[in-house]
Amino acid sequence: MERLNQELKQYLCIFINDRQTDRAKWLKIAQFSYNIKQSSATGKAPFEVTRLYLPRMGVEPGKSKNNAAGNMAKDMKSVLDEMCKVLFKTAEQMKDRAERRRSKAPDYKVGDWSG
């Protein structure tokens, strides 16, 4: 729960005004953003786990007869795909760094005192 609060606070700090009077306005989209983000523990987004699909974001390329619109949509998709790759790579690096700092768990056997 603490991790969720940290992530929502981080997201809200980006968007809310300096007096924090519009925080409530951004809560729903912050929650939605968190729920569609892939979890490192499960490899799936919370939304995908509970509903078995991911919602459309509204940024997927649509059908258009205008070539410029189609090209822009393709460019946006390629940038989005590249950012996803970069974010996943960064997440893996963070995970590796965290695992290197972790100490090995003690090897308890039946009858060992653990207090």
PDB file of N, CA and C in Angstrom:
ATOM      1  N   MET A   1       0.823  -1.184   0.000  1.00  0.00           N
ATOM      2  CA  MET A   1       0.000   0.000   0.000  1.00  0.00           C
ATOM      3  C   MET A   1       0.874   1.258   0.000  1.00  0.00           C
ATOM      4  N   GLU A   2       1.976   1.198   0.759  1.00  0.00           N
ATOM      5  CA  GLU A   2       2.874   2.351   0.816  1.00  0.00           C
ATOM      6  C   GLU A   2       3.461   2.653  -0.559  1.00  0.00           C
ATOM      7  N   ARG A   3       3.789   1.608  -1.309  1.00  0.00           N
ATOM      8  CA  ARG A   3       4.340   1.798  -2.655  1.00  0.00           C
ATOM      9  C   ARG A   3       3.311   2.476  -3.557  1.00  0.00           C
ATOM     10  N   LEU A   4       2.060   2.057  -3.452  1.00  0.00           N
ATOM     11  CA  LEU A   4       0.984   2.670  -4.235  1.00  0.00           C
ATOM     12  C   LEU A   4       0.878   4.157  -3.907  1.00  0.00           C
ATOM     13  N   ASN A   5       0.900   4.476  -2.617  1.00  0.00           N
ATOM     14  CA  ASN A   5       0.820   5.880  -2.206  1.00  0.00           C
ATOM     15  C   ASN A   5       1.989   6.692  -2.757  1.00  0.00           C
ATOM     16  N   GLN A   6       3.189   6.117  -2.741  1.00  0.00           N
ATOM     17  CA  GLN A   6       4.360   6.815  -3.277  1.00  0.00           C
ATOM     18  C   GLN A   6       4.187   7.099  -4.765  1.00  0.00           C
ATOM     19  N   GLU A   7       3.720   6.094  -5.504  1.00  0.00           N
ATOM     20  CA  GLU A   7       3.557   6.261  -6.951  1.00  0.00           C
ATOM     21  C   GLU A   7       2.492   7.307  -7.268  1.00  0.00           C
ATOM     22  N   LEU A   8       1.365   7.257  -6.561  1.00  0.00           N
ATOM     23  CA  LEU A   8       0.307   8.236  -6.806  1.00  0.00           C
ATOM     24  C   LEU A   8       0.769   9.646  -6.442  1.00  0.00           C
ATOM     25  N   LYS A   9       1.496   9.773  -5.339  1.00  0.00           N
ATOM     26  CA  LYS A   9       2.007  11.084  -4.929  1.00  0.00           C
ATOM     27  C   LYS A   9       2.971  11.629  -5.985  1.00  0.00           C
ATOM     28  N   GLN A  10       3.838  10.764  -6.494  1.00  0.00           N
ATOM     29  CA  GLN A  10       4.794  11.177  -7.523  1.00  0.00           C
ATOM     30  C   GLN A  10       4.060  11.650  -8.779  1.00  0.00           C
ATOM     31  N   TYR A  11       3.046  10.910  -9.186  1.00  0.00           N
ATOM     32  CA  TYR A  11       2.275  11.277 -10.367  1.00  0.00           C
ATOM     33  C   TYR A  11       1.558  12.609 -10.146  1.00  0.00           C
ATOM     34  N   LEU A  12       0.907  12.738  -9.003  1.00  0.00           N
ATOM     35  CA  LEU A  12       0.142  13.954  -8.720  1.00  0.00           C
ATOM     36  C   LEU A  12       1.039  15.187  -8.631  1.00  0.00           C
ATOM     37  N   CYS A  13       2.242  15.028  -8.104  1.00  0.00           N
ATOM     38  CA  CYS A  13       3.164  16.168  -7.994  1.00  0.00           C
ATOM     39  C   CYS A  13       3.494  16.761  -9.355  1.00  0.00           C
ATOM     40  N   ILE A  14       3.438  15.957 -10.386  1.00  0.00           N
ATOM     41  CA  ILE A  14       3.739  16.442 -11.733  1.00  0.00           C
ATOM     42  C   ILE A  14       2.613  17.334 -12.250  1.00  0.00           C
ATOM     43  N   PHE A  15       1.379  16.999 -11.938  1.00  0.00           N
ATOM     44  CA  PHE A  15       0.238  17.650 -12.569  1.00  0.00           C
ATOM     45  C   PHE A  15      -0.509  18.678 -11.733  1.00  0.00           C
ATOM     46  N   ILE A  16      -0.513  18.540 -10.426  1.00  0.00           N
ATOM     47  CA  ILE A  16      -1.314  19.469  -9.625  1.00  0.00           C
ATOM     48  C   ILE A  16      -0.678  20.855  -9.600  1.00  0.00           C
ATOM     49  N   ASN A  17      -1.508  21.863  -9.325  1.00  0.00           N
ATOM     50  CA  ASN A  17      -0.985  23.231  -9.288  1.00  0.00           C
ATOM     51  C   ASN A  17      -0.185  23.456  -8.007  1.00  0.00           C
ATOM     52  N   ASP A  18       0.465  24.598  -7.922  1.00  0.00           N
ATOM     53  CA  ASP A  18       1.362  24.861  -6.797  1.00  0.00           C
ATOM     54  C   ASP A  18       0.643  24.971  -5.454  1.00  0.00           C
ATOM     55  N   ARG A  19      -0.635  25.285  -5.459  1.00  0.00           N
ATOM     56  CA  ARG A  19      -1.403  25.359  -4.207  1.00  0.00           C
ATOM     57  C   ARG A  19      -2.089  24.038  -3.870  1.00  0.00           C
ATOM     58  N   GLN A  20      -1.977  23.077  -4.754  1.00  0.00           N
ATOM     59  CA  GLN A  20      -2.562  21.742  -4.588  1.00  0.00           C
ATOM     60  C   GLN A  20      -4.074  21.780  -4.424  1.00  0.00           C
ATOM     61  N   THR A  21      -4.714  22.758  -5.058  1.00  0.00           N
ATOM     62  CA  THR A  21      -6.166  22.863  -4.945  1.00  0.00           C
ATOM     63  C   THR A  21      -6.886  22.004  -5.976  1.00  0.00           C
ATOM     64  N   ASP A  22      -6.173  21.503  -6.966  1.00  0.00           N
ATOM     65  CA  ASP A  22      -6.828  20.687  -7.995  1.00  0.00           C
ATOM     66  C   ASP A  22      -6.431  19.217  -7.915  1.00  0.00           C
ATOM     67  N   ARG A  23      -5.963  18.797  -6.747  1.00  0.00           N
ATOM     68  CA  ARG A  23      -5.514  17.417  -6.565  1.00  0.00           C
ATOM     69  C   ARG A  23      -6.631  16.412  -6.863  1.00  0.00           C
ATOM     70  N   ALA A  24      -7.836  16.676  -6.396  1.00  0.00           N
ATOM     71  CA  ALA A  24      -8.957  15.748  -6.603  1.00  0.00           C
ATOM     72  C   ALA A  24      -9.250  15.541  -8.082  1.00  0.00           C
ATOM     73  N   LYS A  25      -9.036  16.586  -8.877  1.00  0.00           N
ATOM     74  CA  LYS A  25      -9.296  16.500 -10.317  1.00  0.00           C
ATOM     75  C   LYS A  25      -8.408  15.450 -10.982  1.00  0.00           C
ATOM     76  N   TRP A  26      -7.208  15.250 -10.462  1.00  0.00           N
ATOM     77  CA  TRP A  26      -6.238  14.351 -11.091  1.00  0.00           C
ATOM     78  C   TRP A  26      -6.233  12.947 -10.490  1.00  0.00           C
ATOM     79  N   LEU A  27      -6.952  12.712  -9.403  1.00  0.00           N
ATOM     80  CA  LEU A  27      -6.900  11.407  -8.743  1.00  0.00           C
ATOM     81  C   LEU A  27      -7.365  10.257  -9.631  1.00  0.00           C
ATOM     82  N   LYS A  28      -8.462  10.452 -10.359  1.00  0.00           N
ATOM     83  CA  LYS A  28      -8.989   9.365 -11.200  1.00  0.00           C
ATOM     84  C   LYS A  28      -7.990   8.958 -12.281  1.00  0.00           C
ATOM     85  N   ILE A  29      -7.386   9.950 -12.944  1.00  0.00           N
ATOM     86  CA  ILE A  29      -6.431   9.613 -14.004  1.00  0.00           C
ATOM     87  C   ILE A  29      -5.145   9.036 -13.419  1.00  0.00           C
ATOM     88  N   ALA A  30      -4.769   9.471 -12.221  1.00  0.00           N
ATOM     89  CA  ALA A  30      -3.600   8.891 -11.555  1.00  0.00           C
ATOM     90  C   ALA A  30      -3.864   7.425 -11.227  1.00  0.00           C
ATOM     91  N   GLN A  31      -5.060   7.137 -10.728  1.00  0.00           N
ATOM     92  CA  GLN A  31      -5.435   5.760 -10.416  1.00  0.00           C
ATOM     93  C   GLN A  31      -5.463   4.915 -11.688  1.00  0.00           C
ATOM     94  N   PHE A  32      -6.042   5.449 -12.748  1.00  0.00           N
ATOM     95  CA  PHE A  32      -6.103   4.731 -14.021  1.00  0.00           C
ATOM     96  C   PHE A  32      -4.691   4.441 -14.535  1.00  0.00           C
ATOM     97  N   SER A  33      -3.826   5.442 -14.474  1.00  0.00           N
ATOM     98  CA  SER A  33      -2.449   5.269 -14.943  1.00  0.00           C
ATOM     99  C   SER A  33      -1.731   4.186 -14.149  1.00  0.00           C
ATOM    100  N   TYR A  34      -1.935   4.176 -12.842  1.00  0.00           N
ATOM    101  CA  TYR A  34      -1.315   3.141 -12.011  1.00  0.00           C
ATOM    102  C   TYR A  34      -1.858   1.762 -12.374  1.00  0.00           C
ATOM    103  N   ASN A  35      -3.160   1.674 -12.589  1.00  0.00           N
ATOM    104  CA  ASN A  35      -3.794   0.380 -12.844  1.00  0.00           C
ATOM    105  C   ASN A  35      -3.478  -0.217 -14.210  1.00  0.00           C
ATOM    106  N   ILE A  36      -2.964   0.589 -15.146  1.00  0.00           N
ATOM    107  CA  ILE A  36      -2.607   0.027 -16.449  1.00  0.00           C
ATOM    108  C   ILE A  36      -1.096  -0.169 -16.587  1.00  0.00           C
ATOM    109  N   LYS A  37      -0.354   0.156 -15.530  1.00  0.00           N
ATOM    110  CA  LYS A  37       1.102   0.006 -15.547  1.00  0.00           C
ATOM    111  C   LYS A  37       1.474  -1.418 -15.147  1.00  0.00           C
ATOM    112  N   GLN A  38       2.367  -2.018 -15.925  1.00  0.00           N
ATOM    113  CA  GLN A  38       2.776  -3.395 -15.672  1.00  0.00           C
ATOM    114  C   GLN A  38       3.524  -3.491 -14.346  1.00  0.00           C
ATOM    115  N   SER A  39       3.167  -4.484 -13.555  1.00  0.00           N
ATOM    116  CA  SER A  39       3.818  -4.726 -12.277  1.00  0.00           C
ATOM    117  C   SER A  39       5.065  -5.572 -12.490  1.00  0.00           C
ATOM    118  N   SER A  40       6.155  -5.224 -11.817  1.00  0.00           N
ATOM    119  CA  SER A  40       7.372  -6.026 -11.946  1.00  0.00           C
ATOM    120  C   SER A  40       7.198  -7.389 -11.278  1.00  0.00           C
ATOM    121  N   ALA A  41       6.327  -7.465 -10.281  1.00  0.00           N
ATOM    122  CA  ALA A  41       6.122  -8.727  -9.573  1.00  0.00           C
ATOM    123  C   ALA A  41       5.334  -9.736 -10.403  1.00  0.00           C
ATOM    124  N   THR A  42       4.279  -9.272 -11.069  1.00  0.00           N
ATOM    125  CA  THR A  42       3.406 -10.195 -11.807  1.00  0.00           C
ATOM    126  C   THR A  42       3.634 -10.165 -13.308  1.00  0.00           C
ATOM    127  N   GLY A  43       4.237  -9.084 -13.797  1.00  0.00           N
ATOM    128  CA  GLY A  43       4.405  -8.938 -15.245  1.00  0.00           C
ATOM    129  C   GLY A  43       3.130  -8.472 -15.926  1.00  0.00           C
ATOM    130  N   LYS A  44       2.104  -8.186 -15.141  1.00  0.00           N
ATOM    131  CA  LYS A  44       0.825  -7.730 -15.688  1.00  0.00           C
ATOM    132  C   LYS A  44       0.367  -6.494 -14.925  1.00  0.00           C
ATOM    133  N   ALA A  45      -0.460  -5.701 -15.585  1.00  0.00           N
ATOM    134  CA  ALA A  45      -1.039  -4.526 -14.939  1.00  0.00           C
ATOM    135  C   ALA A  45      -2.188  -4.969 -14.034  1.00  0.00           C
ATOM    136  N   PRO A  46      -2.435  -4.252 -12.920  1.00  0.00           N
ATOM    137  CA  PRO A  46      -3.560  -4.611 -12.055  1.00  0.00           C
ATOM    138  C   PRO A  46      -4.888  -4.697 -12.813  1.00  0.00           C
ATOM    139  N   PHE A  47      -5.115  -3.782 -13.755  1.00  0.00           N
ATOM    140  CA  PHE A  47      -6.344  -3.805 -14.545  1.00  0.00           C
ATOM    141  C   PHE A  47      -6.439  -5.106 -15.341  1.00  0.00           C
ATOM    142  N   GLU A  48      -5.321  -5.524 -15.927  1.00  0.00           N
ATOM    143  CA  GLU A  48      -5.292  -6.744 -16.734  1.00  0.00           C
ATOM    144  C   GLU A  48      -5.553  -7.977 -15.870  1.00  0.00           C
ATOM    145  N   VAL A  49      -5.059  -7.970 -14.644  1.00  0.00           N
ATOM    146  CA  VAL A  49      -5.258  -9.104 -13.744  1.00  0.00           C
ATOM    147  C   VAL A  49      -6.725  -9.225 -13.337  1.00  0.00           C
ATOM    148  N   THR A  50      -7.362  -8.088 -13.042  1.00  0.00           N
ATOM    149  CA  THR A  50      -8.737  -8.144 -12.550  1.00  0.00           C
ATOM    150  C   THR A  50      -9.777  -8.245 -13.654  1.00  0.00           C
ATOM    151  N   ARG A  51      -9.453  -7.725 -14.852  1.00  0.00           N
ATOM    152  CA  ARG A  51     -10.455  -7.719 -15.927  1.00  0.00           C
ATOM    153  C   ARG A  51     -10.055  -8.542 -17.147  1.00  0.00           C
ATOM    154  N   LEU A  52      -8.828  -9.094 -17.132  1.00  0.00           N
ATOM    155  CA  LEU A  52      -8.313  -9.958 -18.203  1.00  0.00           C
ATOM    156  C   LEU A  52      -8.088  -9.249 -19.535  1.00  0.00           C
ATOM    157  N   TYR A  53      -8.050  -7.925 -19.541  1.00  0.00           N
ATOM    158  CA  TYR A  53      -7.696  -7.165 -20.743  1.00  0.00           C
ATOM    159  C   TYR A  53      -7.204  -5.788 -20.306  1.00  0.00           C
ATOM    160  N   LEU A  54      -6.504  -5.109 -21.206  1.00  0.00           N
ATOM    161  CA  LEU A  54      -6.084  -3.733 -20.945  1.00  0.00           C
ATOM    162  C   LEU A  54      -6.999  -2.785 -21.705  1.00  0.00           C
ATOM    163  N   PRO A  55      -7.409  -1.681 -21.100  1.00  0.00           N
ATOM    164  CA  PRO A  55      -8.287  -0.738 -21.801  1.00  0.00           C
ATOM    165  C   PRO A  55      -7.535   0.008 -22.892  1.00  0.00           C
ATOM    166  N   ARG A  56      -8.283   0.490 -23.863  1.00  0.00           N
ATOM    167  CA  ARG A  56      -7.683   1.335 -24.900  1.00  0.00           C
ATOM    168  C   ARG A  56      -7.352   2.680 -24.280  1.00  0.00           C
ATOM    169  N   MET A  57      -6.219   3.203 -24.668  1.00  0.00           N
ATOM    170  CA  MET A  57      -5.768   4.479 -24.119  1.00  0.00           C
ATOM    171  C   MET A  57      -6.260   5.670 -24.929  1.00  0.00           C
ATOM    172  N   GLY A  58      -6.693   5.446 -26.160  1.00  0.00           N
ATOM    173  CA  GLY A  58      -7.118   6.547 -26.999  1.00  0.00           C
ATOM    174  C   GLY A  58      -5.987   7.150 -27.809  1.00  0.00           C
ATOM    175  N   VAL A  59      -4.803   6.564 -27.740  1.00  0.00           N
ATOM    176  CA  VAL A  59      -3.677   7.075 -28.524  1.00  0.00           C
ATOM    177  C   VAL A  59      -3.271   6.107 -29.629  1.00  0.00           C
ATOM    178  N   GLU A  60      -4.019   5.011 -29.773  1.00  0.00           N
ATOM    179  CA  GLU A  60      -3.713   4.067 -30.839  1.00  0.00           C
ATOM    180  C   GLU A  60      -4.053   4.707 -32.176  1.00  0.00           C
ATOM    181  N   PRO A  61      -3.263   4.420 -33.218  1.00  0.00           N
ATOM    182  CA  PRO A  61      -3.559   5.003 -34.531  1.00  0.00           C
ATOM    183  C   PRO A  61      -4.951   4.600 -35.011  1.00  0.00           C
ATOM    184  N   GLY A  62      -5.716   5.557 -35.464  1.00  0.00           N
ATOM    185  CA  GLY A  62      -7.041   5.290 -36.005  1.00  0.00           C
ATOM    186  C   GLY A  62      -7.015   5.265 -37.517  1.00  0.00           C
ATOM    187  N   LYS A  63      -8.162   5.047 -38.129  1.00  0.00           N
ATOM    188  CA  LYS A  63      -8.282   5.024 -39.587  1.00  0.00           C
ATOM    189  C   LYS A  63      -8.504   6.448 -40.091  1.00  0.00           C
ATOM    190  N   SER A  64      -7.744   6.826 -41.102  1.00  0.00           N
ATOM    191  CA  SER A  64      -7.894   8.151 -41.687  1.00  0.00           C
ATOM    192  C   SER A  64      -7.452   8.114 -43.139  1.00  0.00           C
ATOM    193  N   LYS A  65      -8.114   8.923 -43.966  1.00  0.00           N
ATOM    194  CA  LYS A  65      -7.716   9.025 -45.368  1.00  0.00           C
ATOM    195  C   LYS A  65      -6.649  10.100 -45.550  1.00  0.00           C
ATOM    196  N   ASN A  66      -6.395  10.856 -44.519  1.00  0.00           N
ATOM    197  CA  ASN A  66      -5.394  11.912 -44.557  1.00  0.00           C
ATOM    198  C   ASN A  66      -4.023  11.293 -44.271  1.00  0.00           C
ATOM    199  N   ASN A  67      -3.120  11.348 -45.254  1.00  0.00           N
ATOM    200  CA  ASN A  67      -1.797  10.740 -45.088  1.00  0.00           C
ATOM    201  C   ASN A  67      -0.996  11.377 -43.960  1.00  0.00           C
ATOM    202  N   ALA A  68      -1.110  12.687 -43.808  1.00  0.00           N
ATOM    203  CA  ALA A  68      -0.364  13.374 -42.751  1.00  0.00           C
ATOM    204  C   ALA A  68      -0.800  12.872 -41.377  1.00  0.00           C
ATOM    205  N   ALA A  69      -2.098  12.664 -41.213  1.00  0.00           N
ATOM    206  CA  ALA A  69      -2.602  12.157 -39.934  1.00  0.00           C
ATOM    207  C   ALA A  69      -2.084  10.746 -39.690  1.00  0.00           C
ATOM    208  N   GLY A  70      -2.097   9.930 -40.735  1.00  0.00           N
ATOM    209  CA  GLY A  70      -1.588   8.560 -40.608  1.00  0.00           C
ATOM    210  C   GLY A  70      -0.109   8.538 -40.266  1.00  0.00           C
ATOM    211  N   ASN A  71       0.664   9.409 -40.918  1.00  0.00           N
ATOM    212  CA  ASN A  71       2.099   9.479 -40.636  1.00  0.00           C
ATOM    213  C   ASN A  71       2.362   9.952 -39.210  1.00  0.00           C
ATOM    214  N   MET A  72       1.576  10.940 -38.774  1.00  0.00           N
ATOM    215  CA  MET A  72       1.750  11.437 -37.411  1.00  0.00           C
ATOM    216  C   MET A  72       1.412  10.340 -36.402  1.00  0.00           C
ATOM    217  N   ALA A  73       0.343   9.610 -36.663  1.00  0.00           N
ATOM    218  CA  ALA A  73      -0.045   8.524 -35.764  1.00  0.00           C
ATOM    219  C   ALA A  73       1.050   7.459 -35.710  1.00  0.00           C
ATOM    220  N   LYS A  74       1.628   7.130 -36.851  1.00  0.00           N
ATOM    221  CA  LYS A  74       2.715   6.138 -36.879  1.00  0.00           C
ATOM    222  C   LYS A  74       3.927   6.650 -36.113  1.00  0.00           C
ATOM    223  N   ASP A  75       4.247   7.933 -36.311  1.00  0.00           N
ATOM    224  CA  ASP A  75       5.376   8.523 -35.586  1.00  0.00           C
ATOM    225  C   ASP A  75       5.131   8.490 -34.081  1.00  0.00           C
ATOM    226  N   MET A  76       3.909   8.839 -33.677  1.00  0.00           N
ATOM    227  CA  MET A  76       3.569   8.824 -32.256  1.00  0.00           C
ATOM    228  C   MET A  76       3.673   7.415 -31.695  1.00  0.00           C
ATOM    229  N   LYS A  77       3.195   6.442 -32.447  1.00  0.00           N
ATOM    230  CA  LYS A  77       3.261   5.050 -31.993  1.00  0.00           C
ATOM    231  C   LYS A  77       4.705   4.593 -31.873  1.00  0.00           C
ATOM    232  N   SER A  78       5.554   4.973 -32.832  1.00  0.00           N
ATOM    233  CA  SER A  78       6.957   4.551 -32.755  1.00  0.00           C
ATOM    234  C   SER A  78       7.654   5.193 -31.552  1.00  0.00           C
ATOM    235  N   VAL A  79       7.335   6.460 -31.271  1.00  0.00           N
ATOM    236  CA  VAL A  79       7.906   7.119 -30.089  1.00  0.00           C
ATOM    237  C   VAL A  79       7.409   6.426 -28.825  1.00  0.00           C
ATOM    238  N   LEU A  80       6.122   6.128 -28.768  1.00  0.00           N
ATOM    239  CA  LEU A  80       5.554   5.441 -27.612  1.00  0.00           C
ATOM    240  C   LEU A  80       6.200   4.072 -27.423  1.00  0.00           C
ATOM    241  N   ASP A  81       6.362   3.323 -28.514  1.00  0.00           N
ATOM    242  CA  ASP A  81       7.003   2.005 -28.434  1.00  0.00           C
ATOM    243  C   ASP A  81       8.438   2.125 -27.932  1.00  0.00           C
ATOM    244  N   GLU A  82       9.159   3.112 -28.437  1.00  0.00           N
ATOM    245  CA  GLU A  82      10.548   3.327 -28.012  1.00  0.00           C
ATOM    246  C   GLU A  82      10.608   3.688 -26.533  1.00  0.00           C
ATOM    247  N   MET A  83       9.691   4.545 -26.076  1.00  0.00           N
ATOM    248  CA  MET A  83       9.664   4.927 -24.663  1.00  0.00           C
ATOM    249  C   MET A  83       9.349   3.719 -23.785  1.00  0.00           C
ATOM    250  N   CYS A  84       8.452   2.862 -24.243  1.00  0.00           N
ATOM    251  CA  CYS A  84       8.138   1.647 -23.480  1.00  0.00           C
ATOM    252  C   CYS A  84       9.379   0.776 -23.334  1.00  0.00           C
ATOM    253  N   LYS A  85      10.135   0.618 -24.423  1.00  0.00           N
ATOM    254  CA  LYS A  85      11.366  -0.181 -24.366  1.00  0.00           C
ATOM    255  C   LYS A  85      12.352   0.424 -23.375  1.00  0.00           C
ATOM    256  N   VAL A  86      12.510   1.735 -23.438  1.00  0.00           N
ATOM    257  CA  VAL A  86      13.442   2.419 -22.540  1.00  0.00           C
ATOM    258  C   VAL A  86      12.995   2.258 -21.088  1.00  0.00           C
ATOM    259  N   LEU A  87      11.696   2.420 -20.837  1.00  0.00           N
ATOM    260  CA  LEU A  87      11.191   2.293 -19.468  1.00  0.00           C
ATOM    261  C   LEU A  87      11.354   0.875 -18.935  1.00  0.00           C
ATOM    262  N   PHE A  88      11.091  -0.127 -19.769  1.00  0.00           N
ATOM    263  CA  PHE A  88      11.274  -1.513 -19.329  1.00  0.00           C
ATOM    264  C   PHE A  88      12.748  -1.795 -19.047  1.00  0.00           C
ATOM    265  N   LYS A  89      13.644  -1.261 -19.888  1.00  0.00           N
ATOM    266  CA  LYS A  89      15.081  -1.441 -19.674  1.00  0.00           C
ATOM    267  C   LYS A  89      15.499  -0.781 -18.362  1.00  0.00           C
ATOM    268  N   THR A  90      15.005   0.424 -18.120  1.00  0.00           N
ATOM    269  CA  THR A  90      15.316   1.137 -16.884  1.00  0.00           C
ATOM    270  C   THR A  90      14.788   0.373 -15.672  1.00  0.00           C
ATOM    271  N   ALA A  91      13.586  -0.162 -15.790  1.00  0.00           N
ATOM    272  CA  ALA A  91      13.007  -0.940 -14.686  1.00  0.00           C
ATOM    273  C   ALA A  91      13.861  -2.167 -14.391  1.00  0.00           C
ATOM    274  N   GLU A  92      14.348  -2.828 -15.424  1.00  0.00           N
ATOM    275  CA  GLU A  92      15.210  -3.994 -15.233  1.00  0.00           C
ATOM    276  C   GLU A  92      16.514  -3.597 -14.548  1.00  0.00           C
ATOM    277  N   GLN A  93      17.091  -2.464 -14.964  1.00  0.00           N
ATOM    278  CA  GLN A  93      18.329  -1.996 -14.345  1.00  0.00           C
ATOM    279  C   GLN A  93      18.109  -1.678 -12.871  1.00  0.00           C
ATOM    280  N   MET A  94      16.983  -1.040 -12.564  1.00  0.00           N
ATOM    281  CA  MET A  94      16.671  -0.720 -11.170  1.00  0.00           C
ATOM    282  C   MET A  94      16.498  -1.996 -10.355  1.00  0.00           C
ATOM    283  N   LYS A  95      15.843  -2.976 -10.952  1.00  0.00           N
ATOM    284  CA  LYS A  95      15.630  -4.256 -10.280  1.00  0.00           C
ATOM    285  C   LYS A  95      16.972  -4.936 -10.009  1.00  0.00           C
ATOM    286  N   ASP A  96      17.855  -4.945 -11.010  1.00  0.00           N
ATOM    287  CA  ASP A  96      19.172  -5.563 -10.846  1.00  0.00           C
ATOM    288  C   ASP A  96      19.967  -4.883  -9.737  1.00  0.00           C
ATOM    289  N   ARG A  97      19.953  -3.536  -9.716  1.00  0.00           N
ATOM    290  CA  ARG A  97      20.672  -2.799  -8.677  1.00  0.00           C
ATOM    291  C   ARG A  97      20.121  -3.125  -7.292  1.00  0.00           C
ATOM    292  N   ALA A  98      18.812  -3.187  -7.186  1.00  0.00           N
ATOM    293  CA  ALA A  98      18.191  -3.482  -5.889  1.00  0.00           C
ATOM    294  C   ALA A  98      18.541  -4.891  -5.433  1.00  0.00           C
ATOM    295  N   GLU A  99      18.543  -5.833  -6.364  1.00  0.00           N
ATOM    296  CA  GLU A  99      18.852  -7.220  -6.000  1.00  0.00           C
ATOM    297  C   GLU A  99      20.310  -7.379  -5.587  1.00  0.00           C
ATOM    298  N   ARG A 100      21.210  -6.588  -6.167  1.00  0.00           N
ATOM    299  CA  ARG A 100      22.624  -6.662  -5.786  1.00  0.00           C
ATOM    300  C   ARG A 100      22.833  -6.189  -4.354  1.00  0.00           C
ATOM    301  N   ARG A 101      22.017  -5.241  -3.913  1.00  0.00           N
ATOM    302  CA  ARG A 101      22.159  -4.698  -2.564  1.00  0.00           C
ATOM    303  C   ARG A 101      21.495  -5.568  -1.499  1.00  0.00           C
ATOM    304  N   ARG A 102      20.615  -6.440  -1.920  1.00  0.00           N
ATOM    305  CA  ARG A 102      19.914  -7.288  -0.949  1.00  0.00           C
ATOM    306  C   ARG A 102      20.866  -8.329  -0.380  1.00  0.00           C
ATOM    307  N   SER A 103      20.722  -8.567   0.900  1.00  0.00           N
ATOM    308  CA  SER A 103      21.528  -9.630   1.501  1.00  0.00           C
ATOM    309  C   SER A 103      20.788 -10.953   1.337  1.00  0.00           C
ATOM    310  N   LYS A 104      21.558 -12.021   1.319  1.00  0.00           N
ATOM    311  CA  LYS A 104      20.968 -13.340   1.131  1.00  0.00           C
ATOM    312  C   LYS A 104      20.156 -13.702   2.370  1.00  0.00           C
ATOM    313  N   ALA A 105      19.013 -14.300   2.148  1.00  0.00           N
ATOM    314  CA  ALA A 105      18.150 -14.708   3.257  1.00  0.00           C
ATOM    315  C   ALA A 105      18.818 -15.845   4.025  1.00  0.00           C
ATOM    316  N   PRO A 106      18.672 -15.851   5.341  1.00  0.00           N
ATOM    317  CA  PRO A 106      19.250 -16.946   6.131  1.00  0.00           C
ATOM    318  C   PRO A 106      18.623 -18.283   5.739  1.00  0.00           C
ATOM    319  N   ASP A 107      19.417 -19.321   5.849  1.00  0.00           N
ATOM    320  CA  ASP A 107      18.940 -20.660   5.504  1.00  0.00           C
ATOM    321  C   ASP A 107      18.466 -21.341   6.784  1.00  0.00           C
ATOM    322  N   TYR A 108      17.186 -21.226   7.074  1.00  0.00           N
ATOM    323  CA  TYR A 108      16.630 -21.821   8.278  1.00  0.00           C
ATOM    324  C   TYR A 108      16.307 -23.288   8.050  1.00  0.00           C
ATOM    325  N   LYS A 109      16.509 -24.064   9.097  1.00  0.00           N
ATOM    326  CA  LYS A 109      16.154 -25.484   9.059  1.00  0.00           C
ATOM    327  C   LYS A 109      15.145 -25.741  10.169  1.00  0.00           C
ATOM    328  N   VAL A 110      14.421 -26.825  10.055  1.00  0.00           N
ATOM    329  CA  VAL A 110      13.433 -27.177  11.063  1.00  0.00           C
ATOM    330  C   VAL A 110      14.139 -27.292  12.407  1.00  0.00           C
ATOM    331  N   GLY A 111      13.607 -26.615  13.399  1.00  0.00           N
ATOM    332  CA  GLY A 111      14.174 -26.650  14.738  1.00  0.00           C
ATOM    333  C   GLY A 111      15.080 -25.471  15.048  1.00  0.00           C
ATOM    334  N   ASP A 112      15.479 -24.688  14.043  1.00  0.00           N
ATOM    335  CA  ASP A 112      16.318 -23.511  14.277  1.00  0.00           C
ATOM    336  C   ASP A 112      15.524 -22.458  15.036  1.00  0.00           C
ATOM    337  N   TRP A 113      16.226 -21.724  15.889  1.00  0.00           N
ATOM    338  CA  TRP A 113      15.596 -20.628  16.618  1.00  0.00           C
ATOM    339  C   TRP A 113      15.589 -19.409  15.717  1.00  0.00           C
ATOM    340  N   SER A 114      14.431 -18.766  15.534  1.00  0.00           N
ATOM    341  CA  SER A 114      14.337 -17.632  14.615  1.00  0.00           C
ATOM    342  C   SER A 114      13.976 -16.338  15.328  1.00  0.00           C
ATOM    343  N   GLY A 115      14.059 -16.296  16.621  1.00  0.00           N
ATOM    344  CA  GLY A 115      13.642 -15.112  17.362  1.00  0.00           C
ATOM    345  C   GLY A 115      14.777 -14.311  17.751  1.00  0.00           C
TER     346      GLY A 115
END
